[in-house]
Amino acid sequence: MIMEFTRMDLNQLHDLVFNALEIDLKTDDEIMKYWLMLPNDIKKDFKHWGMGDTPTRDSAYVWLQTNCA
């Protein structure tokens, strides 16, 4: 799924990964690695609602904890 990311989007994604996994990502490439792992339905919701959407962030948080911890 193609999505253009602003700096704010990348910062929010970084914070999501940090909060879910306590991993401090240092580069945009590291952040994007986690984006690519997310299932398409979560990415689709982020694309539709934005990176700050609470229900979508909650879904992504649970998915990360379940699949990447």
PDB file of N, CA and C in Angstrom:
ATOM      1  N   MET A   1       0.848  -1.178   0.000  1.00  0.00           N
ATOM      2  CA  MET A   1       0.000   0.000   0.000  1.00  0.00           C
ATOM      3  C   MET A   1       0.889   1.235   0.000  1.00  0.00           C
ATOM      4  N   ILE A   2       0.673   2.100  -0.964  1.00  0.00           N
ATOM      5  CA  ILE A   2       1.480   3.305  -1.088  1.00  0.00           C
ATOM      6  C   ILE A   2       0.830   4.429  -0.290  1.00  0.00           C
ATOM      7  N   MET A   3       1.654   5.064   0.531  1.00  0.00           N
ATOM      8  CA  MET A   3       1.195   6.193   1.324  1.00  0.00           C
ATOM      9  C   MET A   3       2.365   7.140   1.468  1.00  0.00           C
ATOM     10  N   GLU A   4       2.125   8.413   1.279  1.00  0.00           N
ATOM     11  CA  GLU A   4       3.171   9.393   1.501  1.00  0.00           C
ATOM     12  C   GLU A   4       3.145   9.807   2.959  1.00  0.00           C
ATOM     13  N   PHE A   5       4.324   9.914   3.552  1.00  0.00           N
ATOM     14  CA  PHE A   5       4.432  10.200   4.969  1.00  0.00           C
ATOM     15  C   PHE A   5       5.018  11.589   5.192  1.00  0.00           C
ATOM     16  N   THR A   6       4.374  12.329   6.080  1.00  0.00           N
ATOM     17  CA  THR A   6       4.941  13.593   6.534  1.00  0.00           C
ATOM     18  C   THR A   6       5.867  13.286   7.705  1.00  0.00           C
ATOM     19  N   ARG A   7       6.620  14.270   8.131  1.00  0.00           N
ATOM     20  CA  ARG A   7       7.472  14.099   9.315  1.00  0.00           C
ATOM     21  C   ARG A   7       6.604  13.761  10.521  1.00  0.00           C
ATOM     22  N   MET A   8       5.430  14.395  10.621  1.00  0.00           N
ATOM     23  CA  MET A   8       4.536  14.112  11.740  1.00  0.00           C
ATOM     24  C   MET A   8       4.065  12.653  11.708  1.00  0.00           C
ATOM     25  N   ASP A   9       3.746  12.143  10.507  1.00  0.00           N
ATOM     26  CA  ASP A   9       3.338  10.742  10.373  1.00  0.00           C
ATOM     27  C   ASP A   9       4.439   9.810  10.876  1.00  0.00           C
ATOM     28  N   LEU A  10       5.663  10.069  10.437  1.00  0.00           N
ATOM     29  CA  LEU A  10       6.790   9.222  10.848  1.00  0.00           C
ATOM     30  C   LEU A  10       7.031   9.321  12.352  1.00  0.00           C
ATOM     31  N   ASN A  11       6.892  10.512  12.897  1.00  0.00           N
ATOM     32  CA  ASN A  11       7.055  10.672  14.350  1.00  0.00           C
ATOM     33  C   ASN A  11       5.977   9.909  15.105  1.00  0.00           C
ATOM     34  N   GLN A  12       4.740   9.961  14.615  1.00  0.00           N
ATOM     35  CA  GLN A  12       3.655   9.231  15.271  1.00  0.00           C
ATOM     36  C   GLN A  12       3.859   7.724  15.167  1.00  0.00           C
ATOM     37  N   LEU A  13       4.338   7.268  14.024  1.00  0.00           N
ATOM     38  CA  LEU A  13       4.620   5.842  13.857  1.00  0.00           C
ATOM     39  C   LEU A  13       5.758   5.415  14.781  1.00  0.00           C
ATOM     40  N   HIS A  14       6.786   6.255  14.883  1.00  0.00           N
ATOM     41  CA  HIS A  14       7.893   5.976  15.807  1.00  0.00           C
ATOM     42  C   HIS A  14       7.357   5.844  17.231  1.00  0.00           C
ATOM     43  N   ASP A  15       6.510   6.784  17.655  1.00  0.00           N
ATOM     44  CA  ASP A  15       5.968   6.752  19.010  1.00  0.00           C
ATOM     45  C   ASP A  15       5.110   5.516  19.245  1.00  0.00           C
ATOM     46  N   LEU A  16       4.362   5.111  18.237  1.00  0.00           N
ATOM     47  CA  LEU A  16       3.546   3.914  18.340  1.00  0.00           C
ATOM     48  C   LEU A  16       4.419   2.685  18.588  1.00  0.00           C
ATOM     49  N   VAL A  17       5.473   2.539  17.802  1.00  0.00           N
ATOM     50  CA  VAL A  17       6.385   1.397  17.968  1.00  0.00           C
ATOM     51  C   VAL A  17       7.071   1.474  19.328  1.00  0.00           C
ATOM     52  N   PHE A  18       7.506   2.656  19.713  1.00  0.00           N
ATOM     53  CA  PHE A  18       8.172   2.809  21.006  1.00  0.00           C
ATOM     54  C   PHE A  18       7.235   2.424  22.151  1.00  0.00           C
ATOM     55  N   ASN A  19       5.997   2.893  22.092  1.00  0.00           N
ATOM     56  CA  ASN A  19       5.044   2.577  23.155  1.00  0.00           C
ATOM     57  C   ASN A  19       4.664   1.101  23.179  1.00  0.00           C
ATOM     58  N   ALA A  20       4.548   0.487  22.026  1.00  0.00           N
ATOM     59  CA  ALA A  20       4.149  -0.924  21.962  1.00  0.00           C
ATOM     60  C   ALA A  20       5.294  -1.862  22.313  1.00  0.00           C
ATOM     61  N   LEU A  21       6.502  -1.524  21.857  1.00  0.00           N
ATOM     62  CA  LEU A  21       7.614  -2.470  21.955  1.00  0.00           C
ATOM     63  C   LEU A  21       8.810  -1.954  22.743  1.00  0.00           C
ATOM     64  N   GLU A  22       8.773  -0.685  23.141  1.00  0.00           N
ATOM     65  CA  GLU A  22       9.887  -0.044  23.844  1.00  0.00           C
ATOM     66  C   GLU A  22      11.183  -0.115  23.028  1.00  0.00           C
ATOM     67  N   ILE A  23      11.027   0.095  21.718  1.00  0.00           N
ATOM     68  CA  ILE A  23      12.166   0.141  20.802  1.00  0.00           C
ATOM     69  C   ILE A  23      12.288   1.571  20.297  1.00  0.00           C
ATOM     70  N   ASP A  24      13.453   2.180  20.507  1.00  0.00           N
ATOM     71  CA  ASP A  24      13.699   3.547  20.032  1.00  0.00           C
ATOM     72  C   ASP A  24      14.338   3.477  18.662  1.00  0.00           C
ATOM     73  N   LEU A  25      13.538   3.676  17.644  1.00  0.00           N
ATOM     74  CA  LEU A  25      14.023   3.600  16.260  1.00  0.00           C
ATOM     75  C   LEU A  25      14.800   4.866  15.925  1.00  0.00           C
ATOM     76  N   LYS A  26      15.935   4.711  15.276  1.00  0.00           N
ATOM     77  CA  LYS A  26      16.828   5.843  15.012  1.00  0.00           C
ATOM     78  C   LYS A  26      16.671   6.454  13.617  1.00  0.00           C
ATOM     79  N   THR A  27      16.188   5.672  12.657  1.00  0.00           N
ATOM     80  CA  THR A  27      16.124   6.181  11.282  1.00  0.00           C
ATOM     81  C   THR A  27      14.719   5.978  10.705  1.00  0.00           C
ATOM     82  N   ASP A  28      14.438   6.728   9.657  1.00  0.00           N
ATOM     83  CA  ASP A  28      13.167   6.559   8.960  1.00  0.00           C
ATOM     84  C   ASP A  28      13.054   5.158   8.366  1.00  0.00           C
ATOM     85  N   ASP A  29      14.161   4.585   7.910  1.00  0.00           N
ATOM     86  CA  ASP A  29      14.136   3.221   7.363  1.00  0.00           C
ATOM     87  C   ASP A  29      13.706   2.213   8.425  1.00  0.00           C
ATOM     88  N   GLU A  30      14.174   2.399   9.650  1.00  0.00           N
ATOM     89  CA  GLU A  30      13.762   1.507  10.738  1.00  0.00           C
ATOM     90  C   GLU A  30      12.266   1.670  11.024  1.00  0.00           C
ATOM     91  N   ILE A  31      11.790   2.894  10.994  1.00  0.00           N
ATOM     92  CA  ILE A  31      10.368   3.151  11.210  1.00  0.00           C
ATOM     93  C   ILE A  31       9.551   2.483  10.112  1.00  0.00           C
ATOM     94  N   MET A  32       9.975   2.627   8.866  1.00  0.00           N
ATOM     95  CA  MET A  32       9.253   2.061   7.738  1.00  0.00           C
ATOM     96  C   MET A  32       9.230   0.533   7.779  1.00  0.00           C
ATOM     97  N   LYS A  33      10.237  -0.071   8.360  1.00  0.00           N
ATOM     98  CA  LYS A  33      10.261  -1.528   8.503  1.00  0.00           C
ATOM     99  C   LYS A  33       9.024  -1.993   9.274  1.00  0.00           C
ATOM    100  N   TYR A  34       8.666  -1.267  10.319  1.00  0.00           N
ATOM    101  CA  TYR A  34       7.483  -1.630  11.100  1.00  0.00           C
ATOM    102  C   TYR A  34       6.197  -1.310  10.354  1.00  0.00           C
ATOM    103  N   TRP A  35       6.196  -0.234   9.585  1.00  0.00           N
ATOM    104  CA  TRP A  35       5.034   0.077   8.752  1.00  0.00           C
ATOM    105  C   TRP A  35       4.758  -1.079   7.791  1.00  0.00           C
ATOM    106  N   LEU A  36       5.807  -1.573   7.157  1.00  0.00           N
ATOM    107  CA  LEU A  36       5.637  -2.641   6.174  1.00  0.00           C
ATOM    108  C   LEU A  36       5.147  -3.936   6.804  1.00  0.00           C
ATOM    109  N   MET A  37       5.422  -4.141   8.079  1.00  0.00           N
ATOM    110  CA  MET A  37       4.959  -5.348   8.784  1.00  0.00           C
ATOM    111  C   MET A  37       3.463  -5.319   9.062  1.00  0.00           C
ATOM    112  N   LEU A  38       2.897  -4.124   9.238  1.00  0.00           N
ATOM    113  CA  LEU A  38       1.491  -4.027   9.613  1.00  0.00           C
ATOM    114  C   LEU A  38       0.589  -4.640   8.544  1.00  0.00           C
ATOM    115  N   PRO A  39      -0.501  -5.275   8.975  1.00  0.00           N
ATOM    116  CA  PRO A  39      -1.432  -5.838   7.990  1.00  0.00           C
ATOM    117  C   PRO A  39      -2.099  -4.744   7.162  1.00  0.00           C
ATOM    118  N   ASN A  40      -2.508  -5.117   5.972  1.00  0.00           N
ATOM    119  CA  ASN A  40      -3.082  -4.150   5.033  1.00  0.00           C
ATOM    120  C   ASN A  40      -4.322  -3.457   5.573  1.00  0.00           C
ATOM    121  N   ASP A  41      -5.142  -4.144   6.375  1.00  0.00           N
ATOM    122  CA  ASP A  41      -6.352  -3.491   6.879  1.00  0.00           C
ATOM    123  C   ASP A  41      -6.002  -2.339   7.822  1.00  0.00           C
ATOM    124  N   ILE A  42      -4.963  -2.490   8.626  1.00  0.00           N
ATOM    125  CA  ILE A  42      -4.536  -1.398   9.513  1.00  0.00           C
ATOM    126  C   ILE A  42      -3.926  -0.268   8.693  1.00  0.00           C
ATOM    127  N   LYS A  43      -3.109  -0.598   7.705  1.00  0.00           N
ATOM    128  CA  LYS A  43      -2.530   0.446   6.846  1.00  0.00           C
ATOM    129  C   LYS A  43      -3.632   1.205   6.103  1.00  0.00           C
ATOM    130  N   LYS A  44      -4.644   0.478   5.650  1.00  0.00           N
ATOM    131  CA  LYS A  44      -5.759   1.114   4.935  1.00  0.00           C
ATOM    132  C   LYS A  44      -6.485   2.098   5.860  1.00  0.00           C
ATOM    133  N   ASP A  45      -6.697   1.697   7.117  1.00  0.00           N
ATOM    134  CA  ASP A  45      -7.352   2.601   8.070  1.00  0.00           C
ATOM    135  C   ASP A  45      -6.492   3.829   8.351  1.00  0.00           C
ATOM    136  N   PHE A  46      -5.178   3.643   8.497  1.00  0.00           N
ATOM    137  CA  PHE A  46      -4.292   4.799   8.686  1.00  0.00           C
ATOM    138  C   PHE A  46      -4.370   5.730   7.481  1.00  0.00           C
ATOM    139  N   LYS A  47      -4.389   5.153   6.287  1.00  0.00           N
ATOM    140  CA  LYS A  47      -4.458   5.984   5.081  1.00  0.00           C
ATOM    141  C   LYS A  47      -5.770   6.768   5.052  1.00  0.00           C
ATOM    142  N   HIS A  48      -6.848   6.130   5.457  1.00  0.00           N
ATOM    143  CA  HIS A  48      -8.156   6.782   5.421  1.00  0.00           C
ATOM    144  C   HIS A  48      -8.326   7.801   6.549  1.00  0.00           C
ATOM    145  N   TRP A  49      -7.951   7.428   7.769  1.00  0.00           N
ATOM    146  CA  TRP A  49      -8.231   8.245   8.950  1.00  0.00           C
ATOM    147  C   TRP A  49      -7.049   9.078   9.428  1.00  0.00           C
ATOM    148  N   GLY A  50      -5.843   8.739   8.986  1.00  0.00           N
ATOM    149  CA  GLY A  50      -4.649   9.460   9.426  1.00  0.00           C
ATOM    150  C   GLY A  50      -3.942   8.730  10.554  1.00  0.00           C
ATOM    151  N   MET A  51      -2.679   9.072  10.752  1.00  0.00           N
ATOM    152  CA  MET A  51      -1.841   8.384  11.733  1.00  0.00           C
ATOM    153  C   MET A  51      -2.253   8.686  13.168  1.00  0.00           C
ATOM    154  N   GLY A  52      -3.001   9.744  13.384  1.00  0.00           N
ATOM    155  CA  GLY A  52      -3.405  10.101  14.738  1.00  0.00           C
ATOM    156  C   GLY A  52      -4.727   9.486  15.171  1.00  0.00           C
ATOM    157  N   ASP A  53      -5.345   8.681  14.312  1.00  0.00           N
ATOM    158  CA  ASP A  53      -6.638   8.087  14.633  1.00  0.00           C
ATOM    159  C   ASP A  53      -6.499   7.087  15.779  1.00  0.00           C
ATOM    160  N   THR A  54      -7.173   7.347  16.890  1.00  0.00           N
ATOM    161  CA  THR A  54      -7.011   6.531  18.097  1.00  0.00           C
ATOM    162  C   THR A  54      -7.409   5.068  17.895  1.00  0.00           C
ATOM    163  N   PRO A  55      -8.575   4.752  17.319  1.00  0.00           N
ATOM    164  CA  PRO A  55      -8.907   3.332  17.155  1.00  0.00           C
ATOM    165  C   PRO A  55      -7.902   2.576  16.276  1.00  0.00           C
ATOM    166  N   THR A  56      -7.410   3.226  15.234  1.00  0.00           N
ATOM    167  CA  THR A  56      -6.439   2.576  14.357  1.00  0.00           C
ATOM    168  C   THR A  56      -5.104   2.407  15.076  1.00  0.00           C
ATOM    169  N   ARG A  57      -4.682   3.425  15.825  1.00  0.00           N
ATOM    170  CA  ARG A  57      -3.445   3.302  16.616  1.00  0.00           C
ATOM    171  C   ARG A  57      -3.574   2.182  17.639  1.00  0.00           C
ATOM    172  N   ASP A  58      -4.744   2.060  18.260  1.00  0.00           N
ATOM    173  CA  ASP A  58      -4.960   0.982  19.219  1.00  0.00           C
ATOM    174  C   ASP A  58      -4.846  -0.383  18.542  1.00  0.00           C
ATOM    175  N   SER A  59      -5.426  -0.520  17.368  1.00  0.00           N
ATOM    176  CA  SER A  59      -5.326  -1.783  16.623  1.00  0.00           C
ATOM    177  C   SER A  59      -3.879  -2.091  16.265  1.00  0.00           C
ATOM    178  N   ALA A  60      -3.158  -1.083  15.814  1.00  0.00           N
ATOM    179  CA  ALA A  60      -1.752  -1.278  15.452  1.00  0.00           C
ATOM    180  C   ALA A  60      -0.920  -1.627  16.681  1.00  0.00           C
ATOM    181  N   TYR A  61      -1.191  -0.981  17.804  1.00  0.00           N
ATOM    182  CA  TYR A  61      -0.487  -1.248  19.069  1.00  0.00           C
ATOM    183  C   TYR A  61      -0.657  -2.716  19.468  1.00  0.00           C
ATOM    184  N   VAL A  62      -1.894  -3.175  19.451  1.00  0.00           N
ATOM    185  CA  VAL A  62      -2.172  -4.576  19.812  1.00  0.00           C
ATOM    186  C   VAL A  62      -1.492  -5.516  18.834  1.00  0.00           C
ATOM    187  N   TRP A  63      -1.565  -5.208  17.537  1.00  0.00           N
ATOM    188  CA  TRP A  63      -0.940  -6.059  16.539  1.00  0.00           C
ATOM    189  C   TRP A  63       0.580  -6.129  16.770  1.00  0.00           C
ATOM    190  N   LEU A  64       1.206  -4.991  16.999  1.00  0.00           N
ATOM    191  CA  LEU A  64       2.655  -4.974  17.240  1.00  0.00           C
ATOM    192  C   LEU A  64       3.020  -5.783  18.476  1.00  0.00           C
ATOM    193  N   GLN A  65       2.279  -5.604  19.541  1.00  0.00           N
ATOM    194  CA  GLN A  65       2.582  -6.351  20.767  1.00  0.00           C
ATOM    195  C   GLN A  65       2.399  -7.850  20.572  1.00  0.00           C
ATOM    196  N   THR A  66       1.402  -8.223  19.820  1.00  0.00           N
ATOM    197  CA  THR A  66       1.093  -9.639  19.586  1.00  0.00           C
ATOM    198  C   THR A  66       2.094 -10.291  18.634  1.00  0.00           C
ATOM    199  N   ASN A  67       2.526  -9.548  17.623  1.00  0.00           N
ATOM    200  CA  ASN A  67       3.316 -10.145  16.542  1.00  0.00           C
ATOM    201  C   ASN A  67       4.790  -9.791  16.539  1.00  0.00           C
ATOM    202  N   CYS A  68       5.195  -8.796  17.302  1.00  0.00           N
ATOM    203  CA  CYS A  68       6.593  -8.341  17.244  1.00  0.00           C
ATOM    204  C   CYS A  68       7.290  -8.330  18.590  1.00  0.00           C
ATOM    205  N   ALA A  69       6.571  -8.614  19.654  1.00  0.00           N
ATOM    206  CA  ALA A  69       7.185  -8.555  20.993  1.00  0.00           C
ATOM    207  C   ALA A  69       8.043  -9.783  21.252  1.00  0.00           C
TER     208      ALA A  69
END
